[in-house]
N, C-alpha and C. Protein backbone atom coordinates (compact mmCIF):
# COMPACT_ATOMS: atom_id res chain seq x y z
N MET A 1 53.36 -182.09 -34.06
CA MET A 1 52.75 -181.36 -32.98
C MET A 1 51.40 -182.00 -32.71
N GLY A 2 51.11 -182.26 -31.42
CA GLY A 2 49.84 -182.87 -31.06
C GLY A 2 48.96 -181.92 -30.27
N PHE A 3 47.69 -181.95 -30.58
CA PHE A 3 46.70 -181.19 -29.83
C PHE A 3 45.82 -182.17 -29.08
N TYR A 4 45.36 -181.75 -27.92
CA TYR A 4 44.49 -182.60 -27.12
C TYR A 4 43.12 -181.97 -27.02
N THR A 5 42.12 -182.83 -26.88
CA THR A 5 40.77 -182.36 -26.59
C THR A 5 40.40 -182.86 -25.20
N GLY A 6 39.30 -182.39 -24.68
CA GLY A 6 38.85 -182.85 -23.38
C GLY A 6 38.63 -184.35 -23.33
N ARG A 7 38.39 -184.94 -24.47
CA ARG A 7 38.16 -186.39 -24.52
C ARG A 7 39.41 -187.18 -24.11
N SER A 8 40.59 -186.59 -24.28
CA SER A 8 41.82 -187.31 -23.93
C SER A 8 42.22 -187.09 -22.47
N GLY A 9 41.52 -186.25 -21.74
CA GLY A 9 41.86 -185.98 -20.35
C GLY A 9 41.36 -187.06 -19.40
N LYS A 10 42.08 -187.23 -18.30
CA LYS A 10 41.71 -188.21 -17.28
C LYS A 10 42.07 -187.69 -15.91
N LEU A 11 41.46 -188.30 -14.90
CA LEU A 11 41.81 -188.06 -13.51
C LEU A 11 42.06 -189.42 -12.89
N PHE A 12 43.21 -189.56 -12.22
CA PHE A 12 43.56 -190.80 -11.54
C PHE A 12 43.60 -190.55 -10.04
N LEU A 13 43.05 -191.45 -9.26
CA LEU A 13 43.09 -191.39 -7.80
C LEU A 13 44.05 -192.48 -7.34
N THR A 14 45.12 -192.10 -6.64
CA THR A 14 46.15 -193.05 -6.24
C THR A 14 46.39 -192.95 -4.73
N PRO A 15 47.13 -193.90 -4.18
CA PRO A 15 47.58 -193.73 -2.80
C PRO A 15 48.48 -192.50 -2.72
N ILE A 16 48.83 -192.07 -1.52
CA ILE A 16 49.70 -190.91 -1.32
C ILE A 16 50.95 -191.09 -2.18
N LEU A 17 51.31 -190.02 -2.89
CA LEU A 17 52.44 -190.07 -3.82
C LEU A 17 53.72 -189.58 -3.16
N THR A 18 54.82 -190.26 -3.47
CA THR A 18 56.13 -189.80 -3.01
C THR A 18 57.06 -189.49 -4.18
N ALA A 19 56.68 -189.93 -5.36
CA ALA A 19 57.45 -189.67 -6.58
C ALA A 19 56.48 -189.62 -7.76
N ALA A 20 56.96 -189.18 -8.90
CA ALA A 20 56.11 -189.13 -10.09
C ALA A 20 55.60 -190.53 -10.41
N PRO A 21 54.29 -190.69 -10.52
CA PRO A 21 53.72 -192.02 -10.72
C PRO A 21 53.52 -192.35 -12.20
N ASN A 22 53.20 -193.58 -12.45
CA ASN A 22 52.73 -194.01 -13.76
C ASN A 22 51.42 -194.75 -13.49
N PRO A 23 50.30 -194.02 -13.36
CA PRO A 23 49.06 -194.65 -12.91
C PRO A 23 48.49 -195.64 -13.92
N SER A 24 47.78 -196.63 -13.39
CA SER A 24 47.15 -197.64 -14.24
C SER A 24 45.70 -197.27 -14.50
N GLU A 25 45.09 -197.92 -15.47
CA GLU A 25 43.69 -197.68 -15.79
C GLU A 25 42.80 -197.98 -14.58
N ALA A 26 43.23 -198.91 -13.72
CA ALA A 26 42.44 -199.25 -12.53
C ALA A 26 42.37 -198.07 -11.56
N GLN A 27 43.26 -197.08 -11.70
CA GLN A 27 43.25 -195.91 -10.84
C GLN A 27 42.55 -194.72 -11.47
N SER A 28 42.04 -194.88 -12.71
CA SER A 28 41.37 -193.75 -13.36
C SER A 28 39.92 -193.68 -12.92
N VAL A 29 39.43 -192.45 -12.82
CA VAL A 29 38.02 -192.24 -12.52
C VAL A 29 37.26 -192.53 -13.81
N LEU A 30 36.30 -193.44 -13.75
CA LEU A 30 35.68 -193.94 -14.97
C LEU A 30 34.90 -192.90 -15.76
N LYS A 31 34.08 -192.14 -15.11
CA LYS A 31 33.19 -191.22 -15.82
C LYS A 31 33.45 -189.80 -15.35
N ILE A 32 34.34 -189.10 -16.03
CA ILE A 32 34.68 -187.73 -15.65
C ILE A 32 34.23 -186.77 -16.75
N ARG A 33 33.64 -185.66 -16.36
CA ARG A 33 33.21 -184.65 -17.34
C ARG A 33 34.32 -183.64 -17.58
N ASP A 34 34.96 -183.16 -16.49
CA ASP A 34 36.00 -182.15 -16.64
C ASP A 34 36.85 -182.08 -15.38
N TRP A 35 38.01 -181.48 -15.51
CA TRP A 35 38.84 -181.11 -14.36
C TRP A 35 39.54 -179.80 -14.67
N SER A 36 39.90 -179.09 -13.60
CA SER A 36 40.66 -177.85 -13.76
C SER A 36 41.61 -177.68 -12.58
N LEU A 37 42.62 -176.87 -12.78
CA LEU A 37 43.65 -176.66 -11.77
C LEU A 37 44.08 -175.20 -11.82
N GLU A 38 44.26 -174.59 -10.66
CA GLU A 38 44.71 -173.20 -10.60
C GLU A 38 45.80 -173.08 -9.54
N THR A 39 46.90 -172.43 -9.91
CA THR A 39 48.01 -172.19 -8.99
C THR A 39 48.19 -170.69 -8.84
N THR A 40 48.36 -170.25 -7.60
CA THR A 40 48.47 -168.82 -7.30
C THR A 40 49.75 -168.56 -6.52
N LEU A 41 50.48 -167.53 -6.93
CA LEU A 41 51.67 -167.09 -6.23
C LEU A 41 51.34 -165.82 -5.45
N GLU A 42 51.60 -165.84 -4.15
CA GLU A 42 51.45 -164.63 -3.35
C GLU A 42 52.73 -163.82 -3.48
N LEU A 43 52.58 -162.55 -3.76
CA LEU A 43 53.74 -161.67 -3.84
C LEU A 43 53.82 -160.83 -2.56
N LEU A 44 55.02 -160.74 -2.01
CA LEU A 44 55.25 -159.96 -0.80
C LEU A 44 55.87 -158.63 -1.20
N GLU A 45 55.24 -157.56 -0.79
CA GLU A 45 55.74 -156.23 -1.16
C GLU A 45 57.00 -155.89 -0.37
N THR A 46 58.04 -155.42 -1.09
CA THR A 46 59.31 -155.05 -0.46
C THR A 46 59.62 -153.57 -0.66
N THR A 47 58.62 -152.80 -1.07
CA THR A 47 58.80 -151.38 -1.33
C THR A 47 59.22 -150.66 -0.05
N THR A 48 60.17 -149.75 -0.20
CA THR A 48 60.57 -148.92 0.94
C THR A 48 59.97 -147.53 0.78
N ILE A 49 59.96 -146.80 1.83
CA ILE A 49 59.30 -145.50 1.85
C ILE A 49 59.96 -144.48 0.92
N ASP A 50 61.22 -144.70 0.59
CA ASP A 50 61.93 -143.73 -0.25
C ASP A 50 61.89 -144.05 -1.74
N THR A 51 61.05 -145.02 -2.17
CA THR A 51 60.95 -145.35 -3.60
C THR A 51 59.57 -144.97 -4.15
N ALA A 52 59.53 -144.76 -5.45
CA ALA A 52 58.28 -144.36 -6.09
C ALA A 52 57.63 -145.52 -6.85
N VAL A 53 58.32 -146.64 -6.91
CA VAL A 53 57.81 -147.79 -7.65
C VAL A 53 57.75 -148.98 -6.69
N LYS A 54 56.64 -149.69 -6.73
CA LYS A 54 56.50 -150.85 -5.86
C LYS A 54 57.40 -151.99 -6.32
N ARG A 55 57.91 -152.75 -5.36
CA ARG A 55 58.75 -153.91 -5.63
C ARG A 55 58.18 -155.10 -4.84
N TYR A 56 58.42 -156.30 -5.39
CA TYR A 56 57.88 -157.51 -4.78
C TYR A 56 58.92 -158.61 -4.75
N THR A 57 58.69 -159.58 -3.88
CA THR A 57 59.46 -160.81 -3.86
C THR A 57 58.47 -161.97 -3.79
N PRO A 58 58.82 -163.09 -4.39
CA PRO A 58 57.88 -164.22 -4.36
C PRO A 58 57.63 -164.70 -2.93
N GLY A 59 56.39 -165.05 -2.68
CA GLY A 59 56.00 -165.59 -1.38
C GLY A 59 55.61 -167.06 -1.54
N MET A 60 54.49 -167.41 -0.98
CA MET A 60 54.04 -168.80 -1.00
C MET A 60 53.16 -169.07 -2.23
N VAL A 61 53.20 -170.32 -2.68
CA VAL A 61 52.37 -170.77 -3.79
C VAL A 61 51.30 -171.69 -3.23
N SER A 62 50.08 -171.54 -3.72
CA SER A 62 49.01 -172.46 -3.34
C SER A 62 48.26 -172.87 -4.60
N SER A 63 47.71 -174.08 -4.56
CA SER A 63 47.01 -174.60 -5.72
C SER A 63 45.70 -175.26 -5.30
N THR A 64 44.70 -175.04 -6.10
CA THR A 64 43.39 -175.67 -5.89
C THR A 64 42.90 -176.18 -7.24
N GLY A 65 41.92 -177.03 -7.18
CA GLY A 65 41.37 -177.55 -8.42
C GLY A 65 39.97 -178.05 -8.23
N SER A 66 39.40 -178.48 -9.33
CA SER A 66 38.04 -179.02 -9.29
C SER A 66 37.90 -180.09 -10.35
N ALA A 67 36.90 -180.91 -10.19
CA ALA A 67 36.57 -181.94 -11.16
C ALA A 67 35.07 -182.21 -11.07
N THR A 68 34.51 -182.62 -12.18
CA THR A 68 33.12 -183.04 -12.19
C THR A 68 33.08 -184.48 -12.69
N VAL A 69 32.54 -185.36 -11.87
CA VAL A 69 32.41 -186.76 -12.24
C VAL A 69 30.93 -187.10 -12.33
N MET A 70 30.62 -188.12 -13.08
CA MET A 70 29.23 -188.50 -13.28
C MET A 70 28.79 -189.47 -12.18
N TYR A 71 27.59 -189.27 -11.69
CA TYR A 71 26.99 -190.15 -10.69
C TYR A 71 26.39 -191.33 -11.46
N TYR A 72 26.84 -192.54 -11.16
CA TYR A 72 26.41 -193.70 -11.92
C TYR A 72 26.64 -194.97 -11.12
N ARG A 73 26.13 -196.06 -11.61
CA ARG A 73 26.41 -197.39 -11.07
C ARG A 73 27.32 -198.10 -12.06
N SER A 74 28.37 -198.72 -11.57
CA SER A 74 29.32 -199.35 -12.47
C SER A 74 28.71 -200.58 -13.14
N GLU A 75 29.22 -200.85 -14.31
CA GLU A 75 28.80 -202.01 -15.08
C GLU A 75 29.74 -203.17 -14.75
N PRO A 76 29.25 -204.41 -14.89
CA PRO A 76 30.16 -205.55 -14.69
C PRO A 76 31.35 -205.43 -15.65
N GLY A 77 32.52 -205.64 -15.14
CA GLY A 77 33.72 -205.56 -15.95
C GLY A 77 34.38 -204.19 -15.97
N ASP A 78 33.71 -203.15 -15.41
CA ASP A 78 34.35 -201.83 -15.34
C ASP A 78 35.56 -201.91 -14.43
N VAL A 79 36.67 -201.37 -14.89
CA VAL A 79 37.89 -201.33 -14.08
C VAL A 79 38.24 -199.87 -13.88
N GLY A 80 38.23 -199.43 -12.64
CA GLY A 80 38.57 -198.04 -12.36
C GLY A 80 37.90 -197.55 -11.10
N ILE A 81 38.13 -196.30 -10.77
CA ILE A 81 37.64 -195.68 -9.55
C ILE A 81 36.20 -195.22 -9.78
N GLN A 82 35.33 -195.56 -8.87
CA GLN A 82 33.94 -195.12 -8.92
C GLN A 82 33.83 -193.78 -8.18
N PHE A 83 32.80 -193.02 -8.48
CA PHE A 83 32.65 -191.69 -7.88
C PHE A 83 32.59 -191.73 -6.36
N GLU A 84 32.02 -192.79 -5.77
CA GLU A 84 31.88 -192.82 -4.31
C GLU A 84 33.23 -192.92 -3.60
N GLN A 85 34.26 -193.39 -4.29
CA GLN A 85 35.58 -193.45 -3.66
C GLN A 85 36.15 -192.04 -3.47
N LEU A 86 35.71 -191.09 -4.27
CA LEU A 86 36.10 -189.69 -4.08
C LEU A 86 35.24 -189.06 -2.99
N LEU A 87 33.92 -189.32 -3.03
CA LEU A 87 33.01 -188.75 -2.03
C LEU A 87 33.36 -189.20 -0.63
N ASN A 88 33.80 -190.46 -0.48
CA ASN A 88 34.10 -191.00 0.84
C ASN A 88 35.25 -190.27 1.53
N ARG A 89 36.01 -189.47 0.80
CA ARG A 89 37.13 -188.73 1.40
C ARG A 89 36.69 -187.47 2.13
N VAL A 90 35.45 -187.03 1.90
CA VAL A 90 34.99 -185.80 2.55
C VAL A 90 33.58 -185.94 3.16
N MET A 91 32.72 -186.76 2.55
CA MET A 91 31.37 -186.98 3.08
C MET A 91 31.42 -188.20 3.99
N LYS A 92 31.37 -187.98 5.30
CA LYS A 92 31.55 -189.05 6.28
C LYS A 92 30.22 -189.48 6.90
N THR A 93 30.13 -190.77 7.22
CA THR A 93 28.94 -191.30 7.88
C THR A 93 29.20 -191.61 9.35
N SER A 94 30.32 -191.12 9.86
CA SER A 94 30.65 -191.33 11.28
C SER A 94 31.09 -190.00 11.90
N ASP A 95 31.28 -190.02 13.20
CA ASP A 95 31.71 -188.81 13.91
C ASP A 95 33.20 -188.56 13.80
N GLY A 96 33.94 -189.47 13.17
CA GLY A 96 35.40 -189.35 13.09
C GLY A 96 35.89 -188.17 12.28
N GLY A 97 35.12 -187.74 11.30
CA GLY A 97 35.52 -186.61 10.47
C GLY A 97 36.65 -186.95 9.52
N VAL A 98 37.10 -185.94 8.81
CA VAL A 98 38.19 -186.10 7.86
C VAL A 98 39.51 -186.09 8.61
N THR A 99 40.39 -187.00 8.25
CA THR A 99 41.70 -187.09 8.90
C THR A 99 42.79 -187.08 7.82
N GLU A 100 44.04 -187.11 8.25
CA GLU A 100 45.15 -187.14 7.28
C GLU A 100 45.09 -188.37 6.39
N SER A 101 44.47 -189.44 6.86
CA SER A 101 44.36 -190.65 6.03
C SER A 101 43.42 -190.45 4.84
N ASP A 102 42.67 -189.36 4.81
CA ASP A 102 41.78 -189.06 3.69
C ASP A 102 42.48 -188.27 2.59
N ARG A 103 43.74 -187.92 2.81
CA ARG A 103 44.54 -187.26 1.77
C ARG A 103 44.74 -188.27 0.64
N VAL A 104 44.70 -187.82 -0.59
CA VAL A 104 44.82 -188.72 -1.74
C VAL A 104 45.89 -188.23 -2.70
N GLY A 105 46.40 -189.14 -3.48
CA GLY A 105 47.25 -188.78 -4.60
C GLY A 105 46.36 -188.60 -5.81
N ILE A 106 46.59 -187.55 -6.57
CA ILE A 106 45.79 -187.29 -7.77
C ILE A 106 46.74 -187.05 -8.93
N VAL A 107 46.42 -187.64 -10.06
CA VAL A 107 47.15 -187.40 -11.30
C VAL A 107 46.13 -186.88 -12.31
N LEU A 108 46.37 -185.69 -12.83
CA LEU A 108 45.53 -185.11 -13.86
C LEU A 108 46.26 -185.30 -15.19
N ARG A 109 45.60 -185.94 -16.13
CA ARG A 109 46.23 -186.18 -17.43
C ARG A 109 45.54 -185.33 -18.48
N ALA A 110 46.33 -184.45 -19.12
CA ALA A 110 45.80 -183.62 -20.19
C ALA A 110 45.61 -184.44 -21.46
N GLY A 111 46.46 -185.43 -21.64
CA GLY A 111 46.36 -186.28 -22.82
C GLY A 111 47.51 -187.25 -22.87
N ALA A 112 47.43 -188.20 -23.76
CA ALA A 112 48.51 -189.18 -23.95
C ALA A 112 48.56 -189.58 -25.41
N GLN A 113 49.76 -189.89 -25.88
CA GLN A 113 49.95 -190.38 -27.24
C GLN A 113 50.72 -191.68 -27.18
N PRO A 114 50.28 -192.67 -27.90
CA PRO A 114 51.08 -193.90 -27.94
C PRO A 114 52.41 -193.62 -28.63
N GLY A 115 53.47 -194.05 -28.01
CA GLY A 115 54.81 -193.87 -28.60
C GLY A 115 55.35 -195.20 -29.09
N ALA A 116 56.62 -195.26 -29.30
CA ALA A 116 57.26 -196.50 -29.73
C ALA A 116 57.48 -197.39 -28.51
N GLY A 117 56.41 -197.98 -28.03
CA GLY A 117 56.50 -198.84 -26.84
C GLY A 117 56.38 -198.07 -25.55
N VAL A 118 56.42 -196.75 -25.59
CA VAL A 118 56.32 -195.93 -24.39
C VAL A 118 55.29 -194.84 -24.64
N ASP A 119 54.42 -194.63 -23.68
CA ASP A 119 53.43 -193.56 -23.85
C ASP A 119 54.05 -192.21 -23.56
N VAL A 120 53.82 -191.25 -24.44
CA VAL A 120 54.16 -189.86 -24.18
C VAL A 120 52.95 -189.29 -23.47
N LYS A 121 53.12 -188.86 -22.23
CA LYS A 121 51.97 -188.42 -21.44
C LYS A 121 52.21 -187.04 -20.87
N ASP A 122 51.13 -186.30 -20.70
CA ASP A 122 51.18 -184.98 -20.10
C ASP A 122 50.40 -185.03 -18.80
N ASP A 123 51.11 -185.28 -17.70
CA ASP A 123 50.49 -185.47 -16.39
C ASP A 123 50.89 -184.37 -15.42
N ILE A 124 50.01 -184.11 -14.47
CA ILE A 124 50.29 -183.26 -13.33
C ILE A 124 49.93 -184.11 -12.11
N ALA A 125 50.90 -184.37 -11.24
CA ALA A 125 50.68 -185.26 -10.10
C ALA A 125 50.94 -184.52 -8.80
N PHE A 126 50.13 -184.81 -7.78
CA PHE A 126 50.23 -184.15 -6.48
C PHE A 126 49.40 -184.89 -5.45
N ASN A 127 49.59 -184.54 -4.19
CA ASN A 127 48.74 -185.02 -3.09
C ASN A 127 47.77 -183.91 -2.74
N ALA A 128 46.56 -184.29 -2.32
CA ALA A 128 45.54 -183.27 -2.07
C ALA A 128 44.51 -183.76 -1.07
N TYR A 129 43.76 -182.81 -0.56
CA TYR A 129 42.57 -183.09 0.23
C TYR A 129 41.37 -182.67 -0.59
N ILE A 130 40.35 -183.49 -0.63
CA ILE A 130 39.09 -183.09 -1.26
C ILE A 130 38.37 -182.22 -0.23
N THR A 131 38.11 -180.99 -0.60
CA THR A 131 37.57 -180.01 0.35
C THR A 131 36.09 -179.75 0.18
N SER A 132 35.52 -180.18 -0.94
CA SER A 132 34.11 -179.92 -1.18
C SER A 132 33.58 -180.95 -2.16
N ALA A 133 32.36 -181.38 -1.93
CA ALA A 133 31.69 -182.29 -2.86
C ALA A 133 30.22 -181.94 -2.90
N GLY A 134 29.67 -181.84 -4.09
CA GLY A 134 28.25 -181.54 -4.23
C GLY A 134 27.64 -182.36 -5.34
N ILE A 135 26.43 -182.84 -5.11
CA ILE A 135 25.73 -183.64 -6.11
C ILE A 135 24.65 -182.78 -6.73
N THR A 136 24.62 -182.73 -8.07
CA THR A 136 23.64 -181.92 -8.79
C THR A 136 22.69 -182.84 -9.56
N VAL A 137 21.40 -182.67 -9.30
CA VAL A 137 20.36 -183.44 -9.97
C VAL A 137 19.44 -182.45 -10.67
N GLY A 138 19.26 -182.61 -11.98
CA GLY A 138 18.39 -181.71 -12.73
C GLY A 138 17.55 -182.47 -13.73
N THR A 139 16.33 -182.06 -13.91
CA THR A 139 15.45 -182.69 -14.88
C THR A 139 16.07 -182.63 -16.27
N GLY A 140 16.14 -183.76 -16.91
CA GLY A 140 16.69 -183.81 -18.27
C GLY A 140 18.20 -183.76 -18.34
N GLU A 141 18.88 -183.77 -17.21
CA GLU A 141 20.34 -183.70 -17.18
C GLU A 141 20.91 -184.94 -16.51
N LEU A 142 22.16 -185.27 -16.84
CA LEU A 142 22.84 -186.34 -16.12
C LEU A 142 23.19 -185.85 -14.72
N THR A 143 23.07 -186.72 -13.75
CA THR A 143 23.42 -186.37 -12.37
C THR A 143 24.94 -186.35 -12.26
N SER A 144 25.47 -185.29 -11.65
CA SER A 144 26.92 -185.14 -11.56
C SER A 144 27.35 -184.81 -10.13
N VAL A 145 28.62 -185.06 -9.87
CA VAL A 145 29.22 -184.77 -8.57
C VAL A 145 30.38 -183.81 -8.81
N SER A 146 30.27 -182.59 -8.25
CA SER A 146 31.35 -181.62 -8.40
C SER A 146 32.25 -181.71 -7.17
N LEU A 147 33.55 -181.75 -7.41
CA LEU A 147 34.54 -181.88 -6.35
C LEU A 147 35.50 -180.69 -6.39
N GLN A 148 35.91 -180.23 -5.24
CA GLN A 148 36.96 -179.22 -5.11
C GLN A 148 38.08 -179.86 -4.30
N PHE A 149 39.32 -179.54 -4.62
CA PHE A 149 40.43 -180.07 -3.85
C PHE A 149 41.51 -179.02 -3.68
N THR A 150 42.29 -179.17 -2.60
CA THR A 150 43.42 -178.29 -2.31
C THR A 150 44.68 -179.14 -2.28
N ILE A 151 45.70 -178.70 -3.00
CA ILE A 151 46.95 -179.45 -3.08
C ILE A 151 47.73 -179.28 -1.79
N ASP A 152 48.26 -180.40 -1.30
CA ASP A 152 49.03 -180.45 -0.06
C ASP A 152 50.48 -180.76 -0.40
N GLY A 153 51.33 -179.75 -0.35
CA GLY A 153 52.75 -179.94 -0.66
C GLY A 153 53.06 -179.60 -2.10
N PRO A 154 54.27 -179.95 -2.55
CA PRO A 154 54.69 -179.59 -3.91
C PRO A 154 54.10 -180.54 -4.95
N PHE A 155 54.12 -180.10 -6.21
CA PHE A 155 53.77 -180.98 -7.33
C PHE A 155 54.85 -182.05 -7.45
N LEU A 156 54.47 -183.25 -7.84
CA LEU A 156 55.42 -184.33 -8.00
C LEU A 156 55.77 -184.60 -9.46
N GLU A 157 54.91 -184.13 -10.35
CA GLU A 157 55.18 -184.25 -11.78
C GLU A 157 54.40 -183.15 -12.46
N LEU A 158 55.00 -182.58 -13.51
CA LEU A 158 54.32 -181.54 -14.29
C LEU A 158 54.33 -181.93 -15.75
N VAL A 159 53.46 -181.33 -16.51
CA VAL A 159 53.37 -181.60 -17.94
C VAL A 159 54.73 -181.48 -18.59
N ASP A 160 55.09 -182.48 -19.41
CA ASP A 160 56.36 -182.50 -20.15
C ASP A 160 57.60 -182.46 -19.26
N SER A 161 57.49 -182.94 -18.02
CA SER A 161 58.69 -182.93 -17.18
C SER A 161 59.50 -184.19 -17.37
């Protein structure tokens, strides 16, 4: 039985996904502090006037998430996604605004274990829009960028699938 810590987690930024991916280190965000994901099911009430107990049927599912990445300058030889590649999806310097081309593929990795030539990985993969980005600067603290995203469509891979 394996346990994971936050140190084994990763976030990968990929092109739009059509199937479960196997992301490379070049697609990982280099300096990430944390990520989280929340999925919510809306229940539709089906209770009729002649019953005393409420009844429901499943409705739509929606998912949102967040991540905190570190604001930094890359070092020579760093291979991976820099924080500005995430910011560029929502913070625009032109009048064009955010478009469908700003949708990204995201893979959240809870952890990975080296296997017998194959990595056993716990990934959650989906397409999303980055809906919010904020930069936090504090005396005595590392500067960080907090991101919020909304999942667009179904999940493409889930943990242990």
